[in-house]
Amino acid sequence: TNYADSVKGRFTISRDNAMNTVYLQMNSLKPEDTAVY
């Protein structure tokens, strides 16, 4: 995995290939994280 500096240590990306799904766990959210993802 790799992360932008702005989210490093707060966001975690993972994937489940059997389910064809990718996840983004977002912790310690800040107002500047407001966006369409």
All heavy atoms as atom14 arrays in JSON, in Angstrom:
{
  "sequence": "TNYADSVKGRFTISRDNAMNTVYLQMNSLKPEDTAVY",
  "atom14_mask": [
    [1, 1, 1, 1, 1, 1, 1, 0, 0, 0, 0, 0, 0, 0],
    [1, 1, 1, 1, 1, 1, 1, 1, 0, 0, 0, 0, 0, 0],
    [1, 1, 1, 1, 1, 1, 1, 1, 1, 1, 1, 1, 0, 0],
    [1, 1, 1, 1, 1, 0, 0, 0, 0, 0, 0, 0, 0, 0],
    [1, 1, 1, 1, 1, 1, 1, 1, 0, 0, 0, 0, 0, 0],
    [1, 1, 1, 1, 1, 1, 0, 0, 0, 0, 0, 0, 0, 0],
    [1, 1, 1, 1, 1, 1, 1, 0, 0, 0, 0, 0, 0, 0],
    [1, 1, 1, 1, 1, 1, 1, 1, 1, 0, 0, 0, 0, 0],
    [1, 1, 1, 1, 0, 0, 0, 0, 0, 0, 0, 0, 0, 0],
    [1, 1, 1, 1, 1, 1, 1, 1, 1, 1, 1, 0, 0, 0],
    [1, 1, 1, 1, 1, 1, 1, 1, 1, 1, 1, 0, 0, 0],
    [1, 1, 1, 1, 1, 1, 1, 0, 0, 0, 0, 0, 0, 0],
    [1, 1, 1, 1, 1, 1, 1, 1, 0, 0, 0, 0, 0, 0],
    [1, 1, 1, 1, 1, 1, 0, 0, 0, 0, 0, 0, 0, 0],
    [1, 1, 1, 1, 1, 1, 1, 1, 1, 1, 1, 0, 0, 0],
    [1, 1, 1, 1, 1, 1, 1, 1, 0, 0, 0, 0, 0, 0],
    [1, 1, 1, 1, 1, 1, 1, 1, 0, 0, 0, 0, 0, 0],
    [1, 1, 1, 1, 1, 0, 0, 0, 0, 0, 0, 0, 0, 0],
    [1, 1, 1, 1, 1, 1, 1, 1, 0, 0, 0, 0, 0, 0],
    [1, 1, 1, 1, 1, 1, 1, 1, 0, 0, 0, 0, 0, 0],
    [1, 1, 1, 1, 1, 1, 1, 0, 0, 0, 0, 0, 0, 0],
    [1, 1, 1, 1, 1, 1, 1, 0, 0, 0, 0, 0, 0, 0],
    [1, 1, 1, 1, 1, 1, 1, 1, 1, 1, 1, 1, 0, 0],
    [1, 1, 1, 1, 1, 1, 1, 1, 0, 0, 0, 0, 0, 0],
    [1, 1, 1, 1, 1, 1, 1, 1, 1, 0, 0, 0, 0, 0],
    [1, 1, 1, 1, 1, 1, 1, 1, 0, 0, 0, 0, 0, 0],
    [1, 1, 1, 1, 1, 1, 1, 1, 0, 0, 0, 0, 0, 0],
    [1, 1, 1, 1, 1, 1, 0, 0, 0, 0, 0, 0, 0, 0],
    [1, 1, 1, 1, 1, 1, 1, 1, 0, 0, 0, 0, 0, 0],
    [1, 1, 1, 1, 1, 1, 1, 1, 1, 0, 0, 0, 0, 0],
    [1, 1, 1, 1, 1, 1, 1, 0, 0, 0, 0, 0, 0, 0],
    [1, 1, 1, 1, 1, 1, 1, 1, 1, 0, 0, 0, 0, 0],
    [1, 1, 1, 1, 1, 1, 1, 1, 0, 0, 0, 0, 0, 0],
    [1, 1, 1, 1, 1, 1, 1, 0, 0, 0, 0, 0, 0, 0],
    [1, 1, 1, 1, 1, 0, 0, 0, 0, 0, 0, 0, 0, 0],
    [1, 1, 1, 1, 1, 1, 1, 0, 0, 0, 0, 0, 0, 0],
    [1, 1, 1, 1, 1, 1, 1, 1, 1, 1, 1, 1, 0, 0]
  ],
  "atom14_positions": [
    [[0.82, -1.2, 0.0], [0.0, 0.0, 0.0], [0.85, 1.26, 0.0], [2.04, 1.23, 0.36], [-0.92, 0.03, 1.24], [-0.1, -0.01, 2.42], [-1.86, -1.16, 1.26], [0.0, 0.0, 0.0], [0.0, 0.0, 0.0], [0.0, 0.0, 0.0], [0.0, 0.0, 0.0], [0.0, 0.0, 0.0], [0.0, 0.0, 0.0], [0.0, 0.0, 0.0]],
    [[0.23, 2.36, -0.39], [0.9, 3.65, -0.36], [-0.16, 4.72, -0.11], [-1.32, 4.55, -0.55], [1.65, 3.92, -1.66], [2.69, 5.0, -1.5], [3.17, 5.27, -0.4], [3.04, 5.64, -2.6], [0.0, 0.0, 0.0], [0.0, 0.0, 0.0], [0.0, 0.0, 0.0], [0.0, 0.0, 0.0], [0.0, 0.0, 0.0], [0.0, 0.0, 0.0]],
    [[0.25, 5.79, 0.58], [-0.71, 6.82, 0.99], [-0.17, 8.2, 0.72], [1.04, 8.45, 0.79], [-1.0, 6.7, 2.5], [-1.58, 5.37, 2.89], [-0.76, 4.32, 3.28], [-2.95, 5.16, 2.87], [-1.28, 3.08, 3.62], [-3.49, 3.94, 3.21], [-2.65, 2.9, 3.58], [-3.2, 1.69, 3.93], [0.0, 0.0, 0.0], [0.0, 0.0, 0.0]],
    [[-1.09, 9.13, 0.44], [-0.72, 10.53, 0.38], [-0.33, 10.99, 1.78], [-0.86, 10.49, 2.79], [-1.9, 11.36, -0.14], [0.0, 0.0, 0.0], [0.0, 0.0, 0.0], [0.0, 0.0, 0.0], [0.0, 0.0, 0.0], [0.0, 0.0, 0.0], [0.0, 0.0, 0.0], [0.0, 0.0, 0.0], [0.0, 0.0, 0.0], [0.0, 0.0, 0.0]],
    [[0.56, 11.95, 1.85], [1.02, 12.44, 3.15], [-0.14, 12.96, 4.0], [-0.12, 12.83, 5.23], [2.05, 13.54, 2.96], [3.39, 13.01, 2.47], [3.62, 11.79, 2.58], [4.19, 13.82, 1.97], [0.0, 0.0, 0.0], [0.0, 0.0, 0.0], [0.0, 0.0, 0.0], [0.0, 0.0, 0.0], [0.0, 0.0, 0.0], [0.0, 0.0, 0.0]],
    [[-1.14, 13.51, 3.36], [-2.25, 14.12, 4.09], [-3.1, 13.11, 4.85], [-3.84, 13.49, 5.76], [-3.13, 14.92, 3.13], [-3.63, 14.07, 2.1], [0.0, 0.0, 0.0], [0.0, 0.0, 0.0], [0.0, 0.0, 0.0], [0.0, 0.0, 0.0], [0.0, 0.0, 0.0], [0.0, 0.0, 0.0], [0.0, 0.0, 0.0], [0.0, 0.0, 0.0]],
    [[-3.02, 11.82, 4.48], [-3.86, 10.81, 5.13], [-3.04, 9.72, 5.8], [-3.6, 8.85, 6.47], [-4.85, 10.17, 4.14], [-5.66, 11.25, 3.42], [-4.14, 9.28, 3.13], [0.0, 0.0, 0.0], [0.0, 0.0, 0.0], [0.0, 0.0, 0.0], [0.0, 0.0, 0.0], [0.0, 0.0, 0.0], [0.0, 0.0, 0.0], [0.0, 0.0, 0.0]],
    [[-1.73, 9.77, 5.64], [-0.87, 8.72, 6.19], [-1.04, 8.64, 7.7], [-1.05, 9.65, 8.4], [0.58, 9.03, 5.83], [1.52, 7.86, 5.93], [2.88, 8.22, 5.32], [2.8, 8.45, 3.84], [4.13, 8.72, 3.22], [0.0, 0.0, 0.0], [0.0, 0.0, 0.0], [0.0, 0.0, 0.0], [0.0, 0.0, 0.0], [0.0, 0.0, 0.0]],
    [[-1.21, 7.42, 8.18], [-1.4, 7.19, 9.6], [-2.84, 7.27, 10.06], [-3.17, 6.9, 11.19], [0.0, 0.0, 0.0], [0.0, 0.0, 0.0], [0.0, 0.0, 0.0], [0.0, 0.0, 0.0], [0.0, 0.0, 0.0], [0.0, 0.0, 0.0], [0.0, 0.0, 0.0], [0.0, 0.0, 0.0], [0.0, 0.0, 0.0], [0.0, 0.0, 0.0]],
    [[-3.73, 7.74, 9.19], [-5.14, 7.86, 9.53], [-6.03, 6.97, 8.68], [-7.07, 6.48, 9.15], [-5.61, 9.31, 9.37], [-4.85, 10.3, 10.24], [-5.47, 11.69, 10.17], [-5.44, 12.27, 8.83], [-6.51, 12.64, 8.13], [-7.72, 12.5, 8.65], [-6.38, 13.18, 6.92], [0.0, 0.0, 0.0], [0.0, 0.0, 0.0], [0.0, 0.0, 0.0]],
    [[-5.65, 6.78, 7.42], [-6.45, 5.97, 6.49], [-5.74, 4.64, 6.24], [-4.5, 4.58, 6.21], [-6.61, 6.68, 5.15], [-7.5, 7.9, 5.17], [-7.96, 8.46, 6.35], [-7.88, 8.49, 3.97], [-8.77, 9.57, 6.35], [-8.7, 9.61, 3.96], [-9.14, 10.16, 5.15], [0.0, 0.0, 0.0], [0.0, 0.0, 0.0], [0.0, 0.0, 0.0]],
    [[-6.54, 3.6, 6.01], [-6.0, 2.29, 5.67], [-6.79, 1.71, 4.51], [-8.01, 1.58, 4.59], [-6.08, 1.33, 6.87], [-5.37, 1.88, 7.98], [-5.47, -0.02, 6.5], [0.0, 0.0, 0.0], [0.0, 0.0, 0.0], [0.0, 0.0, 0.0], [0.0, 0.0, 0.0], [0.0, 0.0, 0.0], [0.0, 0.0, 0.0], [0.0, 0.0, 0.0]],
    [[-6.08, 1.37, 3.44], [-6.7, 0.75, 2.28], [-6.49, -0.76, 2.37], [-5.43, -1.22, 2.8], [-6.14, 1.33, 0.96], [-6.93, 0.82, -0.24], [-4.65, 1.06, 0.82], [-6.56, 1.52, -1.55], [0.0, 0.0, 0.0], [0.0, 0.0, 0.0], [0.0, 0.0, 0.0], [0.0, 0.0, 0.0], [0.0, 0.0, 0.0], [0.0, 0.0, 0.0]],
    [[-7.51, -1.51, 1.97], [-7.39, -2.97, 1.95], [-8.26, -3.5, 0.81], [-9.06, -2.76, 0.23], [-7.84, -3.56, 3.29], [-9.19, -3.24, 3.58], [0.0, 0.0, 0.0], [0.0, 0.0, 0.0], [0.0, 0.0, 0.0], [0.0, 0.0, 0.0], [0.0, 0.0, 0.0], [0.0, 0.0, 0.0], [0.0, 0.0, 0.0], [0.0, 0.0, 0.0]],
    [[-8.1, -4.77, 0.52], [-8.86, -5.35, -0.58], [-9.23, -6.79, -0.25], [-8.52, -7.47, 0.49], [-8.08, -5.28, -1.89], [-6.83, -6.13, -1.93], [-5.96, -5.77, -3.14], [-6.66, -6.05, -4.4], [-6.31, -5.53, -5.57], [-5.28, -4.7, -5.64], [-6.97, -5.84, -6.67], [0.0, 0.0, 0.0], [0.0, 0.0, 0.0], [0.0, 0.0, 0.0]],
    [[-10.35, -7.21, -0.82], [-10.8, -8.6, -0.73], [-11.01, -9.07, -2.17], [-12.03, -8.77, -2.79], [-12.11, -8.68, 0.07], [-12.59, -10.11, 0.27], [-12.2, -10.99, -0.52], [-13.37, -10.33, 1.2], [0.0, 0.0, 0.0], [0.0, 0.0, 0.0], [0.0, 0.0, 0.0], [0.0, 0.0, 0.0], [0.0, 0.0, 0.0], [0.0, 0.0, 0.0]],
    [[-10.02, -9.78, -2.69], [-10.09, -10.17, -4.11], [-11.23, -11.16, -4.36], [-11.79, -11.19, -5.45], [-8.76, -10.77, -4.54], [-7.68, -9.72, -4.67], [-7.95, -8.53, -4.84], [-6.42, -10.15, -4.55], [0.0, 0.0, 0.0], [0.0, 0.0, 0.0], [0.0, 0.0, 0.0], [0.0, 0.0, 0.0], [0.0, 0.0, 0.0], [0.0, 0.0, 0.0]],
    [[-11.57, -11.96, -3.37], [-12.67, -12.91, -3.55], [-14.01, -12.2, -3.71], [-14.93, -12.71, -4.36], [-12.73, -13.87, -2.36], [0.0, 0.0, 0.0], [0.0, 0.0, 0.0], [0.0, 0.0, 0.0], [0.0, 0.0, 0.0], [0.0, 0.0, 0.0], [0.0, 0.0, 0.0], [0.0, 0.0, 0.0], [0.0, 0.0, 0.0], [0.0, 0.0, 0.0]],
    [[-14.11, -11.01, -3.11], [-15.35, -10.23, -3.17], [-15.26, -9.1, -4.19], [-16.22, -8.32, -4.32], [-15.66, -9.65, -1.78], [-15.93, -10.69, -0.73], [-17.44, -11.62, -1.07], [-18.68, -10.36, -0.81], [0.0, 0.0, 0.0], [0.0, 0.0, 0.0], [0.0, 0.0, 0.0], [0.0, 0.0, 0.0], [0.0, 0.0, 0.0], [0.0, 0.0, 0.0]],
    [[-14.13, -8.99, -4.89], [-13.93, -7.89, -5.85], [-14.21, -6.54, -5.21], [-14.88, -5.68, -5.8], [-14.82, -8.07, -7.08], [-14.32, -9.15, -8.02], [-13.32, -9.81, -7.74], [-15.01, -9.35, -9.12], [0.0, 0.0, 0.0], [0.0, 0.0, 0.0], [0.0, 0.0, 0.0], [0.0, 0.0, 0.0], [0.0, 0.0, 0.0], [0.0, 0.0, 0.0]],
    [[-13.7, -6.35, -4.0], [-14.0, -5.15, -3.24], [-12.72, -4.56, -2.65], [-11.84, -5.29, -2.2], [-15.0, -5.46, -2.11], [-16.2, -6.01, -2.69], [-15.37, -4.21, -1.33], [0.0, 0.0, 0.0], [0.0, 0.0, 0.0], [0.0, 0.0, 0.0], [0.0, 0.0, 0.0], [0.0, 0.0, 0.0], [0.0, 0.0, 0.0], [0.0, 0.0, 0.0]],
    [[-12.67, -3.25, -2.65], [-11.59, -2.53, -1.99], [-12.21, -1.61, -0.95], [-13.31, -1.08, -1.16], [-10.72, -1.75, -3.01], [-11.52, -0.7, -3.75], [-9.51, -1.13, -2.35], [0.0, 0.0, 0.0], [0.0, 0.0, 0.0], [0.0, 0.0, 0.0], [0.0, 0.0, 0.0], [0.0, 0.0, 0.0], [0.0, 0.0, 0.0], [0.0, 0.0, 0.0]],
    [[-11.53, -1.45, 0.17], [-12.05, -0.68, 1.3], [-11.11, 0.47, 1.64], [-9.92, 0.42, 1.35], [-12.17, -1.59, 2.54], [-13.03, -2.8, 2.32], [-12.45, -4.03, 2.02], [-14.42, -2.73, 2.43], [-13.23, -5.16, 1.82], [-15.2, -3.86, 2.23], [-14.59, -5.07, 1.93], [-15.38, -6.18, 1.73], [0.0, 0.0, 0.0], [0.0, 0.0, 0.0]],
    [[-11.68, 1.47, 2.29], [-10.88, 2.55, 2.85], [-11.39, 2.83, 4.25], [-12.49, 3.36, 4.42], [-10.95, 3.81, 1.99], [-10.0, 4.93, 2.43], [-8.53, 4.52, 2.19], [-10.31, 6.23, 1.67], [0.0, 0.0, 0.0], [0.0, 0.0, 0.0], [0.0, 0.0, 0.0], [0.0, 0.0, 0.0], [0.0, 0.0, 0.0], [0.0, 0.0, 0.0]],
    [[-10.6, 2.45, 5.24], [-10.91, 2.77, 6.63], [-10.33, 4.13, 6.94], [-9.12, 4.34, 6.8], [-10.33, 1.72, 7.57], [-10.55, 2.01, 9.05], [-12.02, 1.93, 9.44], [-12.73, 1.01, 9.03], [-12.48, 2.89, 10.24], [0.0, 0.0, 0.0], [0.0, 0.0, 0.0], [0.0, 0.0, 0.0], [0.0, 0.0, 0.0], [0.0, 0.0, 0.0]],
    [[-11.18, 5.05, 7.35], [-10.76, 6.43, 7.6], [-10.99, 6.75, 9.07], [-12.14, 6.71, 9.54], [-11.55, 7.39, 6.72], [-11.47, 7.07, 5.24], [-12.24, 8.32, 4.2], [-13.93, 8.2, 4.74], [0.0, 0.0, 0.0], [0.0, 0.0, 0.0], [0.0, 0.0, 0.0], [0.0, 0.0, 0.0], [0.0, 0.0, 0.0], [0.0, 0.0, 0.0]],
    [[-9.93, 7.03, 9.78], [-9.99, 7.37, 11.19], [-9.49, 8.8, 11.4], [-8.84, 9.38, 10.52], [-9.14, 6.4, 12.02], [-9.61, 4.97, 11.91], [-10.8, 4.69, 11.77], [-8.67, 4.04, 11.97], [0.0, 0.0, 0.0], [0.0, 0.0, 0.0], [0.0, 0.0, 0.0], [0.0, 0.0, 0.0], [0.0, 0.0, 0.0], [0.0, 0.0, 0.0]],
    [[-9.8, 9.34, 12.57], [-9.34, 10.7, 12.93], [-9.65, 11.69, 11.82], [-8.78, 12.48, 11.41], [-7.83, 10.68, 13.24], [-7.54, 9.78, 14.28], [0.0, 0.0, 0.0], [0.0, 0.0, 0.0], [0.0, 0.0, 0.0], [0.0, 0.0, 0.0], [0.0, 0.0, 0.0], [0.0, 0.0, 0.0], [0.0, 0.0, 0.0], [0.0, 0.0, 0.0]],
    [[-10.86, 11.63, 11.35], [-11.25, 12.47, 10.21], [-11.19, 13.95, 10.55], [-11.49, 14.36, 11.69], [-12.64, 12.08, 9.72], [-12.66, 10.79, 8.88], [-14.06, 10.21, 8.82], [-12.13, 11.07, 7.49], [0.0, 0.0, 0.0], [0.0, 0.0, 0.0], [0.0, 0.0, 0.0], [0.0, 0.0, 0.0], [0.0, 0.0, 0.0], [0.0, 0.0, 0.0]],
    [[-10.82, 14.74, 9.56], [-10.69, 16.18, 9.69], [-11.63, 16.87, 8.7], [-11.98, 16.27, 7.67], [-9.25, 16.6, 9.39], [-8.19, 15.91, 10.22], [-6.8, 16.31, 9.76], [-5.72, 15.62, 10.57], [-4.35, 16.02, 10.13], [0.0, 0.0, 0.0], [0.0, 0.0, 0.0], [0.0, 0.0, 0.0], [0.0, 0.0, 0.0], [0.0, 0.0, 0.0]],
    [[-12.0, 18.11, 8.97], [-12.86, 18.82, 8.01], [-12.26, 18.86, 6.6], [-13.02, 18.8, 5.61], [-12.96, 20.22, 8.62], [-12.81, 19.99, 10.09], [-11.81, 18.88, 10.2], [0.0, 0.0, 0.0], [0.0, 0.0, 0.0], [0.0, 0.0, 0.0], [0.0, 0.0, 0.0], [0.0, 0.0, 0.0], [0.0, 0.0, 0.0], [0.0, 0.0, 0.0]],
    [[-10.95, 18.91, 6.49], [-10.33, 18.95, 5.17], [-10.41, 17.61, 4.43], [-10.01, 17.53, 3.26], [-8.86, 19.41, 5.27], [-8.02, 18.66, 6.28], [-7.94, 19.38, 7.62], [-8.97, 19.9, 8.1], [-6.82, 19.41, 8.17], [0.0, 0.0, 0.0], [0.0, 0.0, 0.0], [0.0, 0.0, 0.0], [0.0, 0.0, 0.0], [0.0, 0.0, 0.0]],
    [[-10.9, 16.56, 5.07], [-11.15, 15.3, 4.38], [-12.49, 15.31, 3.65], [-12.79, 14.36, 2.92], [-11.13, 14.14, 5.37], [-9.79, 13.92, 6.02], [-8.76, 14.0, 5.3], [-9.74, 13.68, 7.24], [0.0, 0.0, 0.0], [0.0, 0.0, 0.0], [0.0, 0.0, 0.0], [0.0, 0.0, 0.0], [0.0, 0.0, 0.0], [0.0, 0.0, 0.0]],
    [[-13.27, 16.35, 3.83], [-14.56, 16.45, 3.16], [-14.36, 16.46, 1.64], [-13.61, 17.28, 1.1], [-15.29, 17.74, 3.59], [-15.6, 17.64, 4.99], [-16.57, 17.94, 2.8], [0.0, 0.0, 0.0], [0.0, 0.0, 0.0], [0.0, 0.0, 0.0], [0.0, 0.0, 0.0], [0.0, 0.0, 0.0], [0.0, 0.0, 0.0], [0.0, 0.0, 0.0]],
    [[-15.03, 15.54, 0.97], [-14.87, 15.38, -0.48], [-15.79, 14.27, -0.95], [-16.37, 13.54, -0.14], [-13.42, 15.03, -0.83], [0.0, 0.0, 0.0], [0.0, 0.0, 0.0], [0.0, 0.0, 0.0], [0.0, 0.0, 0.0], [0.0, 0.0, 0.0], [0.0, 0.0, 0.0], [0.0, 0.0, 0.0], [0.0, 0.0, 0.0], [0.0, 0.0, 0.0]],
    [[-15.89, 14.14, -2.26], [-16.49, 12.94, -2.85], [-15.35, 11.96, -3.09], [-14.33, 12.32, -3.69], [-17.23, 13.26, -4.17], [-17.82, 11.98, -4.76], [-18.32, 14.29, -3.93], [0.0, 0.0, 0.0], [0.0, 0.0, 0.0], [0.0, 0.0, 0.0], [0.0, 0.0, 0.0], [0.0, 0.0, 0.0], [0.0, 0.0, 0.0], [0.0, 0.0, 0.0]],
    [[-15.54, 10.74, -2.61], [-14.51, 9.72, -2.71], [-14.88, 8.71, -3.79], [-16.04, 8.25, -3.87], [-14.34, 9.01, -1.37], [-13.58, 9.83, -0.36], [-14.15, 10.97, 0.22], [-12.27, 9.52, 0.0], [-13.45, 11.75, 1.12], [-11.56, 10.29, 0.91], [-12.16, 11.4, 1.47], [-11.45, 12.17, 2.36], [0.0, 0.0, 0.0], [0.0, 0.0, 0.0]]
  ]
}
